[in-house]
Amino acid sequence: AGIQDPSHFAYPTYAKAAIQRRENIVRSIEELKGQLEDAKGHLADAFEELKKVELLDERDQARERAEENAREQAELDGIGLMRSRMTAIA
């Protein structure tokens, strides 16, 4: 007559569910791989942008240092000129 063991009766349903879960997991893995590649691309773009900003910042800092050095030198030149005039008068 028929199969009397309940585990045999439920196996096809269990197997179909397991196969469906596996397919869902494989599909999720593929979707996540795509998202990972997109994220890596965005990260690379962000690093390039950061490098540009850092280079601009370094250039601005160098310009500011050069301007400060020029101001200090002009001040020192003025002091030297003033001393020179004072010694020439005395």
N, C-alpha and C. Protein backbone atom coordinates (compact mmCIF):
# COMPACT_ATOMS: atom_id res chain seq x y z
N ALA A 1 0.75 -1.05 0.00
CA ALA A 1 0.00 0.00 0.00
C ALA A 1 0.86 1.20 0.00
N GLY A 2 0.63 2.26 0.71
CA GLY A 2 1.39 3.49 0.57
C GLY A 2 2.48 3.65 1.61
N ILE A 3 3.17 4.77 1.55
CA ILE A 3 4.22 5.09 2.52
C ILE A 3 3.53 5.50 3.81
N GLN A 4 3.88 4.87 4.89
CA GLN A 4 3.24 5.17 6.17
C GLN A 4 4.10 6.09 7.04
N ASP A 5 5.35 6.32 6.70
CA ASP A 5 6.26 7.16 7.48
C ASP A 5 6.01 8.63 7.14
N PRO A 6 5.61 9.47 8.10
CA PRO A 6 5.31 10.87 7.81
C PRO A 6 6.51 11.65 7.28
N SER A 7 7.73 11.25 7.67
CA SER A 7 8.90 11.98 7.18
C SER A 7 9.03 11.85 5.67
N HIS A 8 8.65 10.74 5.11
CA HIS A 8 8.70 10.59 3.66
C HIS A 8 7.65 11.46 2.99
N PHE A 9 6.53 11.62 3.63
CA PHE A 9 5.44 12.42 3.07
C PHE A 9 5.83 13.90 2.99
N ALA A 10 6.54 14.40 3.99
CA ALA A 10 6.89 15.81 4.05
C ALA A 10 8.17 16.15 3.29
N TYR A 11 8.95 15.15 2.93
CA TYR A 11 10.24 15.43 2.30
C TYR A 11 10.15 16.27 1.04
N PRO A 12 9.24 15.97 0.10
CA PRO A 12 9.19 16.80 -1.11
C PRO A 12 8.94 18.28 -0.80
N THR A 13 8.08 18.56 0.16
CA THR A 13 7.81 19.95 0.53
C THR A 13 9.07 20.58 1.14
N TYR A 14 9.74 19.85 2.01
CA TYR A 14 10.98 20.33 2.62
C TYR A 14 12.05 20.58 1.55
N ALA A 15 12.19 19.64 0.63
CA ALA A 15 13.20 19.77 -0.42
C ALA A 15 12.92 20.98 -1.29
N LYS A 16 11.64 21.20 -1.65
CA LYS A 16 11.29 22.38 -2.47
C LYS A 16 11.61 23.66 -1.71
N ALA A 17 11.30 23.68 -0.42
CA ALA A 17 11.58 24.88 0.38
C ALA A 17 13.09 25.11 0.48
N ALA A 18 13.85 24.04 0.65
CA ALA A 18 15.31 24.17 0.74
C ALA A 18 15.89 24.68 -0.58
N ILE A 19 15.37 24.17 -1.68
CA ILE A 19 15.84 24.62 -3.00
C ILE A 19 15.50 26.10 -3.19
N GLN A 20 14.29 26.49 -2.78
CA GLN A 20 13.88 27.89 -2.91
C GLN A 20 14.77 28.80 -2.05
N ARG A 21 15.07 28.37 -0.84
CA ARG A 21 15.96 29.15 0.03
C ARG A 21 17.34 29.28 -0.60
N ARG A 22 17.84 28.21 -1.16
CA ARG A 22 19.15 28.25 -1.82
C ARG A 22 19.13 29.23 -2.98
N GLU A 23 18.09 29.19 -3.79
CA GLU A 23 17.99 30.11 -4.93
C GLU A 23 17.91 31.55 -4.45
N ASN A 24 17.17 31.77 -3.37
CA ASN A 24 17.08 33.13 -2.81
C ASN A 24 18.44 33.61 -2.30
N ILE A 25 19.17 32.71 -1.66
CA ILE A 25 20.50 33.07 -1.15
C ILE A 25 21.44 33.38 -2.31
N VAL A 26 21.41 32.57 -3.34
CA VAL A 26 22.28 32.81 -4.51
C VAL A 26 21.92 34.14 -5.16
N ARG A 27 20.62 34.44 -5.28
CA ARG A 27 20.18 35.70 -5.87
C ARG A 27 20.64 36.87 -4.99
N SER A 28 20.52 36.72 -3.68
CA SER A 28 20.97 37.77 -2.77
C SER A 28 22.47 38.00 -2.89
N ILE A 29 23.22 36.92 -3.01
CA ILE A 29 24.68 37.04 -3.17
C ILE A 29 25.01 37.84 -4.42
N GLU A 30 24.34 37.55 -5.51
CA GLU A 30 24.60 38.27 -6.77
C GLU A 30 24.24 39.74 -6.63
N GLU A 31 23.12 40.03 -5.98
CA GLU A 31 22.72 41.43 -5.78
C GLU A 31 23.75 42.15 -4.91
N LEU A 32 24.19 41.47 -3.85
CA LEU A 32 25.18 42.09 -2.96
C LEU A 32 26.52 42.30 -3.66
N LYS A 33 26.90 41.39 -4.54
CA LYS A 33 28.13 41.59 -5.31
C LYS A 33 28.03 42.85 -6.15
N GLY A 34 26.87 43.06 -6.77
CA GLY A 34 26.67 44.28 -7.56
C GLY A 34 26.74 45.52 -6.69
N GLN A 35 26.11 45.46 -5.52
CA GLN A 35 26.15 46.60 -4.61
C GLN A 35 27.58 46.86 -4.13
N LEU A 36 28.32 45.80 -3.89
CA LEU A 36 29.71 45.95 -3.46
C LEU A 36 30.54 46.63 -4.55
N GLU A 37 30.36 46.23 -5.79
CA GLU A 37 31.10 46.86 -6.89
C GLU A 37 30.73 48.33 -7.00
N ASP A 38 29.44 48.65 -6.86
CA ASP A 38 29.01 50.06 -6.89
C ASP A 38 29.67 50.84 -5.76
N ALA A 39 29.66 50.25 -4.57
CA ALA A 39 30.26 50.92 -3.41
C ALA A 39 31.75 51.14 -3.61
N LYS A 40 32.44 50.15 -4.19
CA LYS A 40 33.87 50.32 -4.46
C LYS A 40 34.10 51.46 -5.44
N GLY A 41 33.24 51.57 -6.45
CA GLY A 41 33.36 52.66 -7.40
C GLY A 41 33.16 54.01 -6.73
N HIS A 42 32.14 54.10 -5.87
CA HIS A 42 31.89 55.35 -5.14
C HIS A 42 33.05 55.68 -4.21
N LEU A 43 33.61 54.66 -3.58
CA LEU A 43 34.75 54.88 -2.69
C LEU A 43 35.96 55.40 -3.47
N ALA A 44 36.20 54.83 -4.64
CA ALA A 44 37.32 55.29 -5.47
C ALA A 44 37.11 56.74 -5.88
N ASP A 45 35.87 57.09 -6.25
CA ASP A 45 35.57 58.48 -6.61
C ASP A 45 35.79 59.41 -5.43
N ALA A 46 35.36 58.96 -4.25
CA ALA A 46 35.53 59.79 -3.05
C ALA A 46 37.00 59.99 -2.73
N PHE A 47 37.82 58.95 -2.89
CA PHE A 47 39.26 59.09 -2.64
C PHE A 47 39.90 60.06 -3.63
N GLU A 48 39.47 60.00 -4.89
CA GLU A 48 40.00 60.94 -5.88
C GLU A 48 39.63 62.37 -5.50
N GLU A 49 38.39 62.58 -5.09
CA GLU A 49 37.93 63.90 -4.69
C GLU A 49 38.70 64.37 -3.45
N LEU A 50 38.91 63.48 -2.50
CA LEU A 50 39.66 63.82 -1.29
C LEU A 50 41.08 64.24 -1.65
N LYS A 51 41.71 63.53 -2.57
CA LYS A 51 43.07 63.86 -2.98
C LYS A 51 43.12 65.25 -3.60
N LYS A 52 42.12 65.57 -4.42
CA LYS A 52 42.07 66.90 -5.02
C LYS A 52 41.95 67.98 -3.95
N VAL A 53 41.07 67.73 -2.97
CA VAL A 53 40.88 68.71 -1.90
C VAL A 53 42.15 68.86 -1.08
N GLU A 54 42.82 67.74 -0.80
CA GLU A 54 44.07 67.80 -0.04
C GLU A 54 45.13 68.58 -0.80
N LEU A 55 45.22 68.38 -2.11
CA LEU A 55 46.20 69.11 -2.91
C LEU A 55 45.90 70.60 -2.91
N LEU A 56 44.61 70.95 -3.04
CA LEU A 56 44.23 72.36 -3.01
C LEU A 56 44.54 72.97 -1.65
N ASP A 57 44.28 72.22 -0.59
CA ASP A 57 44.56 72.70 0.77
C ASP A 57 46.06 72.92 0.96
N GLU A 58 46.87 71.98 0.49
CA GLU A 58 48.32 72.14 0.60
C GLU A 58 48.79 73.37 -0.17
N ARG A 59 48.22 73.58 -1.35
CA ARG A 59 48.60 74.75 -2.15
C ARG A 59 48.22 76.04 -1.43
N ASP A 60 47.00 76.05 -0.85
CA ASP A 60 46.57 77.24 -0.12
C ASP A 60 47.46 77.50 1.09
N GLN A 61 47.82 76.45 1.81
CA GLN A 61 48.69 76.61 2.97
C GLN A 61 50.07 77.12 2.56
N ALA A 62 50.59 76.61 1.45
CA ALA A 62 51.90 77.07 0.96
C ALA A 62 51.83 78.54 0.57
N ARG A 63 50.73 78.94 -0.07
CA ARG A 63 50.56 80.34 -0.46
C ARG A 63 50.47 81.22 0.78
N GLU A 64 49.73 80.77 1.78
CA GLU A 64 49.61 81.55 3.01
C GLU A 64 50.96 81.67 3.72
N ARG A 65 51.74 80.59 3.73
CA ARG A 65 53.07 80.66 4.34
C ARG A 65 53.96 81.63 3.58
N ALA A 66 53.89 81.59 2.26
CA ALA A 66 54.71 82.50 1.45
C ALA A 66 54.31 83.95 1.70
N GLU A 67 53.00 84.21 1.82
CA GLU A 67 52.55 85.57 2.10
C GLU A 67 53.01 86.03 3.48
N GLU A 68 52.91 85.13 4.47
CA GLU A 68 53.36 85.45 5.83
C GLU A 68 54.87 85.71 5.84
N ASN A 69 55.62 84.89 5.15
CA ASN A 69 57.08 85.10 5.06
C ASN A 69 57.40 86.43 4.39
N ALA A 70 56.65 86.78 3.36
CA ALA A 70 56.88 88.05 2.67
C ALA A 70 56.58 89.22 3.60
N ARG A 71 55.48 89.12 4.38
CA ARG A 71 55.15 90.19 5.33
C ARG A 71 56.24 90.32 6.39
N GLU A 72 56.69 89.19 6.92
CA GLU A 72 57.75 89.22 7.93
C GLU A 72 59.03 89.82 7.37
N GLN A 73 59.36 89.45 6.15
CA GLN A 73 60.58 89.97 5.52
C GLN A 73 60.46 91.47 5.29
N ALA A 74 59.27 91.92 4.86
CA ALA A 74 59.07 93.35 4.65
C ALA A 74 59.20 94.10 5.97
N GLU A 75 58.67 93.51 7.04
CA GLU A 75 58.78 94.14 8.35
C GLU A 75 60.24 94.21 8.80
N LEU A 76 60.97 93.11 8.61
CA LEU A 76 62.38 93.10 8.97
C LEU A 76 63.18 94.08 8.12
N ASP A 77 62.85 94.16 6.84
CA ASP A 77 63.53 95.13 5.96
C ASP A 77 63.27 96.55 6.44
N GLY A 78 62.03 96.82 6.86
CA GLY A 78 61.68 98.15 7.37
C GLY A 78 62.46 98.48 8.62
N ILE A 79 62.59 97.49 9.52
CA ILE A 79 63.36 97.70 10.75
C ILE A 79 64.83 97.95 10.40
N GLY A 80 65.37 97.18 9.50
CA GLY A 80 66.76 97.36 9.09
C GLY A 80 66.98 98.72 8.46
N LEU A 81 66.05 99.15 7.62
CA LEU A 81 66.16 100.45 6.98
C LEU A 81 66.09 101.56 8.02
N MET A 82 65.20 101.41 8.99
CA MET A 82 65.06 102.42 10.03
C MET A 82 66.34 102.50 10.87
N ARG A 83 66.93 101.38 11.21
CA ARG A 83 68.19 101.38 11.96
C ARG A 83 69.31 102.02 11.15
N SER A 84 69.31 101.72 9.87
CA SER A 84 70.34 102.28 9.01
C SER A 84 70.23 103.80 8.98
N ARG A 85 69.01 104.31 8.90
CA ARG A 85 68.80 105.76 8.88
C ARG A 85 69.19 106.38 10.22
N MET A 86 68.83 105.65 11.31
CA MET A 86 69.14 106.18 12.63
C MET A 86 70.66 106.28 12.84
N THR A 87 71.40 105.29 12.38
CA THR A 87 72.86 105.33 12.54
C THR A 87 73.47 106.36 11.61
N ALA A 88 72.83 106.59 10.48
CA ALA A 88 73.35 107.60 9.55
C ALA A 88 73.13 108.99 10.10
N ILE A 89 72.03 109.20 10.83
CA ILE A 89 71.74 110.50 11.41
C ILE A 89 72.64 110.76 12.62
N ALA A 90 72.92 109.73 13.36
CA ALA A 90 73.71 109.90 14.59
C ALA A 90 75.16 110.03 14.32
